[in-house]
Amino acid sequence: MNLAIVGQKVVDCDADVWDLSERLSKEYGRRPIFMPRIGEVLPKLMTVRSPRLVR
């Protein structure tokens, strides 16, 4: 799911970013529009330790 945010307001959303951007370009023209993707699960952060050199 993608949101469309214009001037700190959510103005539209759609699962297809191309359909969303087409609608927004017709309505808002060349204004800056923030379109974050939401609802995805991000991978868990992992810590990978480097090997130690034993002398």
PDB file of N, CA and C in Angstrom:
ATOM      1  N   MET A   1       0.845  -1.168   0.000  1.00  0.00           N
ATOM      2  CA  MET A   1       0.000   0.000   0.000  1.00  0.00           C
ATOM      3  C   MET A   1       0.895   1.238   0.000  1.00  0.00           C
ATOM      4  N   ASN A   2       0.548   2.215  -0.796  1.00  0.00           N
ATOM      5  CA  ASN A   2       1.281   3.472  -0.895  1.00  0.00           C
ATOM      6  C   ASN A   2       0.367   4.617  -0.501  1.00  0.00           C
ATOM      7  N   LEU A   3       0.894   5.526   0.286  1.00  0.00           N
ATOM      8  CA  LEU A   3       0.179   6.739   0.660  1.00  0.00           C
ATOM      9  C   LEU A   3       0.663   7.883  -0.194  1.00  0.00           C
ATOM     10  N   ALA A   4      -0.180   8.900  -0.337  1.00  0.00           N
ATOM     11  CA  ALA A   4       0.229  10.144  -0.983  1.00  0.00           C
ATOM     12  C   ALA A   4       0.019  11.258   0.024  1.00  0.00           C
ATOM     13  N   ILE A   5       1.108  11.952   0.339  1.00  0.00           N
ATOM     14  CA  ILE A   5       1.054  13.019   1.331  1.00  0.00           C
ATOM     15  C   ILE A   5       1.455  14.322   0.660  1.00  0.00           C
ATOM     16  N   VAL A   6       0.556  15.304   0.750  1.00  0.00           N
ATOM     17  CA  VAL A   6       0.802  16.621   0.182  1.00  0.00           C
ATOM     18  C   VAL A   6       0.569  17.647   1.281  1.00  0.00           C
ATOM     19  N   GLY A   7       1.580  18.426   1.582  1.00  0.00           N
ATOM     20  CA  GLY A   7       1.434  19.472   2.591  1.00  0.00           C
ATOM     21  C   GLY A   7       1.027  18.947   3.956  1.00  0.00           C
ATOM     22  N   GLN A   8       1.605  17.845   4.403  1.00  0.00           N
ATOM     23  CA  GLN A   8       1.358  17.214   5.702  1.00  0.00           C
ATOM     24  C   GLN A   8      -0.048  16.629   5.835  1.00  0.00           C
ATOM     25  N   LYS A   9      -0.724  16.372   4.713  1.00  0.00           N
ATOM     26  CA  LYS A   9      -2.040  15.725   4.721  1.00  0.00           C
ATOM     27  C   LYS A   9      -2.021  14.509   3.806  1.00  0.00           C
ATOM     28  N   VAL A  10      -2.621  13.421   4.267  1.00  0.00           N
ATOM     29  CA  VAL A  10      -2.778  12.238   3.418  1.00  0.00           C
ATOM     30  C   VAL A  10      -3.929  12.533   2.458  1.00  0.00           C
ATOM     31  N   VAL A  11      -3.640  12.515   1.165  1.00  0.00           N
ATOM     32  CA  VAL A  11      -4.646  12.880   0.172  1.00  0.00           C
ATOM     33  C   VAL A  11      -5.164  11.698  -0.643  1.00  0.00           C
ATOM     34  N   ASP A  12      -4.423  10.574  -0.661  1.00  0.00           N
ATOM     35  CA  ASP A  12      -4.852   9.419  -1.456  1.00  0.00           C
ATOM     36  C   ASP A  12      -4.010   8.211  -1.058  1.00  0.00           C
ATOM     37  N   CYS A  13      -4.458   7.023  -1.461  1.00  0.00           N
ATOM     38  CA  CYS A  13      -3.680   5.798  -1.261  1.00  0.00           C
ATOM     39  C   CYS A  13      -4.084   4.777  -2.317  1.00  0.00           C
ATOM     40  N   ASP A  14      -3.158   3.865  -2.596  1.00  0.00           N
ATOM     41  CA  ASP A  14      -3.412   2.824  -3.592  1.00  0.00           C
ATOM     42  C   ASP A  14      -2.334   1.757  -3.458  1.00  0.00           C
ATOM     43  N   ALA A  15      -2.675   0.530  -3.813  1.00  0.00           N
ATOM     44  CA  ALA A  15      -1.698  -0.553  -3.787  1.00  0.00           C
ATOM     45  C   ALA A  15      -0.745  -0.452  -4.978  1.00  0.00           C
ATOM     46  N   ASP A  16      -1.211   0.129  -6.086  1.00  0.00           N
ATOM     47  CA  ASP A  16      -0.385   0.274  -7.283  1.00  0.00           C
ATOM     48  C   ASP A  16       0.178   1.694  -7.346  1.00  0.00           C
ATOM     49  N   VAL A  17       1.495   1.814  -7.224  1.00  0.00           N
ATOM     50  CA  VAL A  17       2.128   3.135  -7.182  1.00  0.00           C
ATOM     51  C   VAL A  17       1.963   3.884  -8.500  1.00  0.00           C
ATOM     52  N   TRP A  18       1.882   3.176  -9.623  1.00  0.00           N
ATOM     53  CA  TRP A  18       1.732   3.845 -10.921  1.00  0.00           C
ATOM     54  C   TRP A  18       0.348   4.454 -11.065  1.00  0.00           C
ATOM     55  N   ASP A  19      -0.703   3.746 -10.632  1.00  0.00           N
ATOM     56  CA  ASP A  19      -2.055   4.307 -10.669  1.00  0.00           C
ATOM     57  C   ASP A  19      -2.160   5.521  -9.754  1.00  0.00           C
ATOM     58  N   LEU A  20      -1.550   5.404  -8.583  1.00  0.00           N
ATOM     59  CA  LEU A  20      -1.559   6.510  -7.624  1.00  0.00           C
ATOM     60  C   LEU A  20      -0.854   7.733  -8.200  1.00  0.00           C
ATOM     61  N   SER A  21       0.317   7.551  -8.762  1.00  0.00           N
ATOM     62  CA  SER A  21       1.060   8.692  -9.306  1.00  0.00           C
ATOM     63  C   SER A  21       0.350   9.322 -10.498  1.00  0.00           C
ATOM     64  N   GLU A  22      -0.340   8.514 -11.287  1.00  0.00           N
ATOM     65  CA  GLU A  22      -1.093   9.060 -12.428  1.00  0.00           C
ATOM     66  C   GLU A  22      -2.245   9.941 -11.948  1.00  0.00           C
ATOM     67  N   ARG A  23      -2.991   9.462 -10.954  1.00  0.00           N
ATOM     68  CA  ARG A  23      -4.088  10.270 -10.392  1.00  0.00           C
ATOM     69  C   ARG A  23      -3.567  11.564  -9.778  1.00  0.00           C
ATOM     70  N   LEU A  24      -2.456  11.454  -9.062  1.00  0.00           N
ATOM     71  CA  LEU A  24      -1.908  12.632  -8.394  1.00  0.00           C
ATOM     72  C   LEU A  24      -1.368  13.661  -9.384  1.00  0.00           C
ATOM     73  N   SER A  25      -0.751  13.196 -10.456  1.00  0.00           N
ATOM     74  CA  SER A  25      -0.232  14.145 -11.444  1.00  0.00           C
ATOM     75  C   SER A  25      -1.370  14.902 -12.126  1.00  0.00           C
ATOM     76  N   LYS A  26      -2.504  14.254 -12.331  1.00  0.00           N
ATOM     77  CA  LYS A  26      -3.656  14.939 -12.920  1.00  0.00           C
ATOM     78  C   LYS A  26      -4.237  15.972 -11.952  1.00  0.00           C
ATOM     79  N   GLU A  27      -4.267  15.638 -10.665  1.00  0.00           N
ATOM     80  CA  GLU A  27      -4.887  16.519  -9.679  1.00  0.00           C
ATOM     81  C   GLU A  27      -3.949  17.613  -9.173  1.00  0.00           C
ATOM     82  N   TYR A  28      -2.660  17.274  -8.950  1.00  0.00           N
ATOM     83  CA  TYR A  28      -1.740  18.218  -8.314  1.00  0.00           C
ATOM     84  C   TYR A  28      -0.653  18.744  -9.245  1.00  0.00           C
ATOM     85  N   GLY A  29      -0.541  18.213 -10.427  1.00  0.00           N
ATOM     86  CA  GLY A  29       0.474  18.693 -11.361  1.00  0.00           C
ATOM     87  C   GLY A  29       1.875  18.334 -10.893  1.00  0.00           C
ATOM     88  N   ARG A  30       2.778  19.325 -10.939  1.00  0.00           N
ATOM     89  CA  ARG A  30       4.186  19.074 -10.617  1.00  0.00           C
ATOM     90  C   ARG A  30       4.540  19.502  -9.198  1.00  0.00           C
ATOM     91  N   ARG A  31       3.650  19.333  -8.256  1.00  0.00           N
ATOM     92  CA  ARG A  31       3.934  19.638  -6.852  1.00  0.00           C
ATOM     93  C   ARG A  31       4.711  18.483  -6.218  1.00  0.00           C
ATOM     94  N   PRO A  32       5.515  18.776  -5.191  1.00  0.00           N
ATOM     95  CA  PRO A  32       6.198  17.698  -4.468  1.00  0.00           C
ATOM     96  C   PRO A  32       5.195  16.844  -3.692  1.00  0.00           C
ATOM     97  N   ILE A  33       5.267  15.550  -3.877  1.00  0.00           N
ATOM     98  CA  ILE A  33       4.345  14.614  -3.217  1.00  0.00           C
ATOM     99  C   ILE A  33       5.178  13.503  -2.600  1.00  0.00           C
ATOM    100  N   PHE A  34       4.962  13.260  -1.314  1.00  0.00           N
ATOM    101  CA  PHE A  34       5.660  12.185  -0.613  1.00  0.00           C
ATOM    102  C   PHE A  34       4.791  10.937  -0.698  1.00  0.00           C
ATOM    103  N   MET A  35       5.357   9.835  -1.223  1.00  0.00           N
ATOM    104  CA  MET A  35       4.595   8.601  -1.400  1.00  0.00           C
ATOM    105  C   MET A  35       5.297   7.426  -0.731  1.00  0.00           C
ATOM    106  N   PRO A  36       5.197   7.301   0.593  1.00  0.00           N
ATOM    107  CA  PRO A  36       5.841   6.172   1.268  1.00  0.00           C
ATOM    108  C   PRO A  36       5.040   4.885   1.087  1.00  0.00           C
ATOM    109  N   ARG A  37       5.735   3.776   1.099  1.00  0.00           N
ATOM    110  CA  ARG A  37       5.100   2.462   1.072  1.00  0.00           C
ATOM    111  C   ARG A  37       4.869   2.051   2.527  1.00  0.00           C
ATOM    112  N   ILE A  38       3.673   1.617   2.844  1.00  0.00           N
ATOM    113  CA  ILE A  38       3.356   1.240   4.219  1.00  0.00           C
ATOM    114  C   ILE A  38       2.881  -0.203   4.273  1.00  0.00           C
ATOM    115  N   GLY A  39       2.903  -0.771   5.473  1.00  0.00           N
ATOM    116  CA  GLY A  39       2.343  -2.090   5.684  1.00  0.00           C
ATOM    117  C   GLY A  39       3.291  -3.240   5.431  1.00  0.00           C
ATOM    118  N   GLU A  40       4.534  -2.953   5.128  1.00  0.00           N
ATOM    119  CA  GLU A  40       5.489  -4.031   4.905  1.00  0.00           C
ATOM    120  C   GLU A  40       6.211  -4.357   6.206  1.00  0.00           C
ATOM    121  N   VAL A  41       6.540  -5.597   6.362  1.00  0.00           N
ATOM    122  CA  VAL A  41       7.315  -6.016   7.522  1.00  0.00           C
ATOM    123  C   VAL A  41       8.789  -5.940   7.141  1.00  0.00           C
ATOM    124  N   LEU A  42       9.526  -5.152   7.887  1.00  0.00           N
ATOM    125  CA  LEU A  42      10.946  -5.022   7.607  1.00  0.00           C
ATOM    126  C   LEU A  42      11.709  -6.186   8.207  1.00  0.00           C
ATOM    127  N   PRO A  43      12.800  -6.586   7.596  1.00  0.00           N
ATOM    128  CA  PRO A  43      13.586  -7.686   8.158  1.00  0.00           C
ATOM    129  C   PRO A  43      14.157  -7.294   9.521  1.00  0.00           C
ATOM    130  N   LYS A  44      14.300  -8.293  10.379  1.00  0.00           N
ATOM    131  CA  LYS A  44      14.822  -8.061  11.715  1.00  0.00           C
ATOM    132  C   LYS A  44      16.299  -7.676  11.635  1.00  0.00           C
ATOM    133  N   LEU A  45      16.677  -6.682  12.417  1.00  0.00           N
ATOM    134  CA  LEU A  45      18.056  -6.237  12.454  1.00  0.00           C
ATOM    135  C   LEU A  45      18.906  -7.299  13.127  1.00  0.00           C
ATOM    136  N   MET A  46      20.005  -7.650  12.485  1.00  0.00           N
ATOM    137  CA  MET A  46      20.889  -8.673  13.034  1.00  0.00           C
ATOM    138  C   MET A  46      22.260  -8.076  13.285  1.00  0.00           C
ATOM    139  N   THR A  47      22.912  -8.538  14.330  1.00  0.00           N
ATOM    140  CA  THR A  47      24.277  -8.139  14.626  1.00  0.00           C
ATOM    141  C   THR A  47      25.192  -9.294  14.255  1.00  0.00           C
ATOM    142  N   VAL A  48      26.130  -9.015  13.379  1.00  0.00           N
ATOM    143  CA  VAL A  48      27.082 -10.033  12.939  1.00  0.00           C
ATOM    144  C   VAL A  48      28.437  -9.655  13.521  1.00  0.00           C
ATOM    145  N   ARG A  49      28.928 -10.499  14.368  1.00  0.00           N
ATOM    146  CA  ARG A  49      30.212 -10.230  15.011  1.00  0.00           C
ATOM    147  C   ARG A  49      31.349 -10.683  14.114  1.00  0.00           C
ATOM    148  N   SER A  50      32.415  -9.913  14.127  1.00  0.00           N
ATOM    149  CA  SER A  50      33.565 -10.288  13.326  1.00  0.00           C
ATOM    150  C   SER A  50      34.399 -11.317  14.091  1.00  0.00           C
ATOM    151  N   PRO A  51      35.101 -12.175  13.381  1.00  0.00           N
ATOM    152  CA  PRO A  51      35.909 -13.189  14.069  1.00  0.00           C
ATOM    153  C   PRO A  51      37.074 -12.531  14.811  1.00  0.00           C
ATOM    154  N   ARG A  52      37.459 -13.162  15.916  1.00  0.00           N
ATOM    155  CA  ARG A  52      38.584 -12.657  16.703  1.00  0.00           C
ATOM    156  C   ARG A  52      39.848 -13.421  16.332  1.00  0.00           C
ATOM    157  N   LEU A  53      40.925 -12.734  16.400  1.00  0.00           N
ATOM    158  CA  LEU A  53      42.226 -13.338  16.137  1.00  0.00           C
ATOM    159  C   LEU A  53      42.828 -13.729  17.493  1.00  0.00           C
ATOM    160  N   VAL A  54      43.051 -15.030  17.711  1.00  0.00           N
ATOM    161  CA  VAL A  54      43.594 -15.518  18.984  1.00  0.00           C
ATOM    162  C   VAL A  54      45.088 -15.730  18.798  1.00  0.00           C
ATOM    163  N   ARG A  55      45.862 -15.190  19.724  1.00  0.00           N
ATOM    164  CA  ARG A  55      47.334 -15.345  19.636  1.00  0.00           C
ATOM    165  C   ARG A  55      47.848 -16.207  20.736  1.00  0.00           C
TER     166      ARG A  55
END
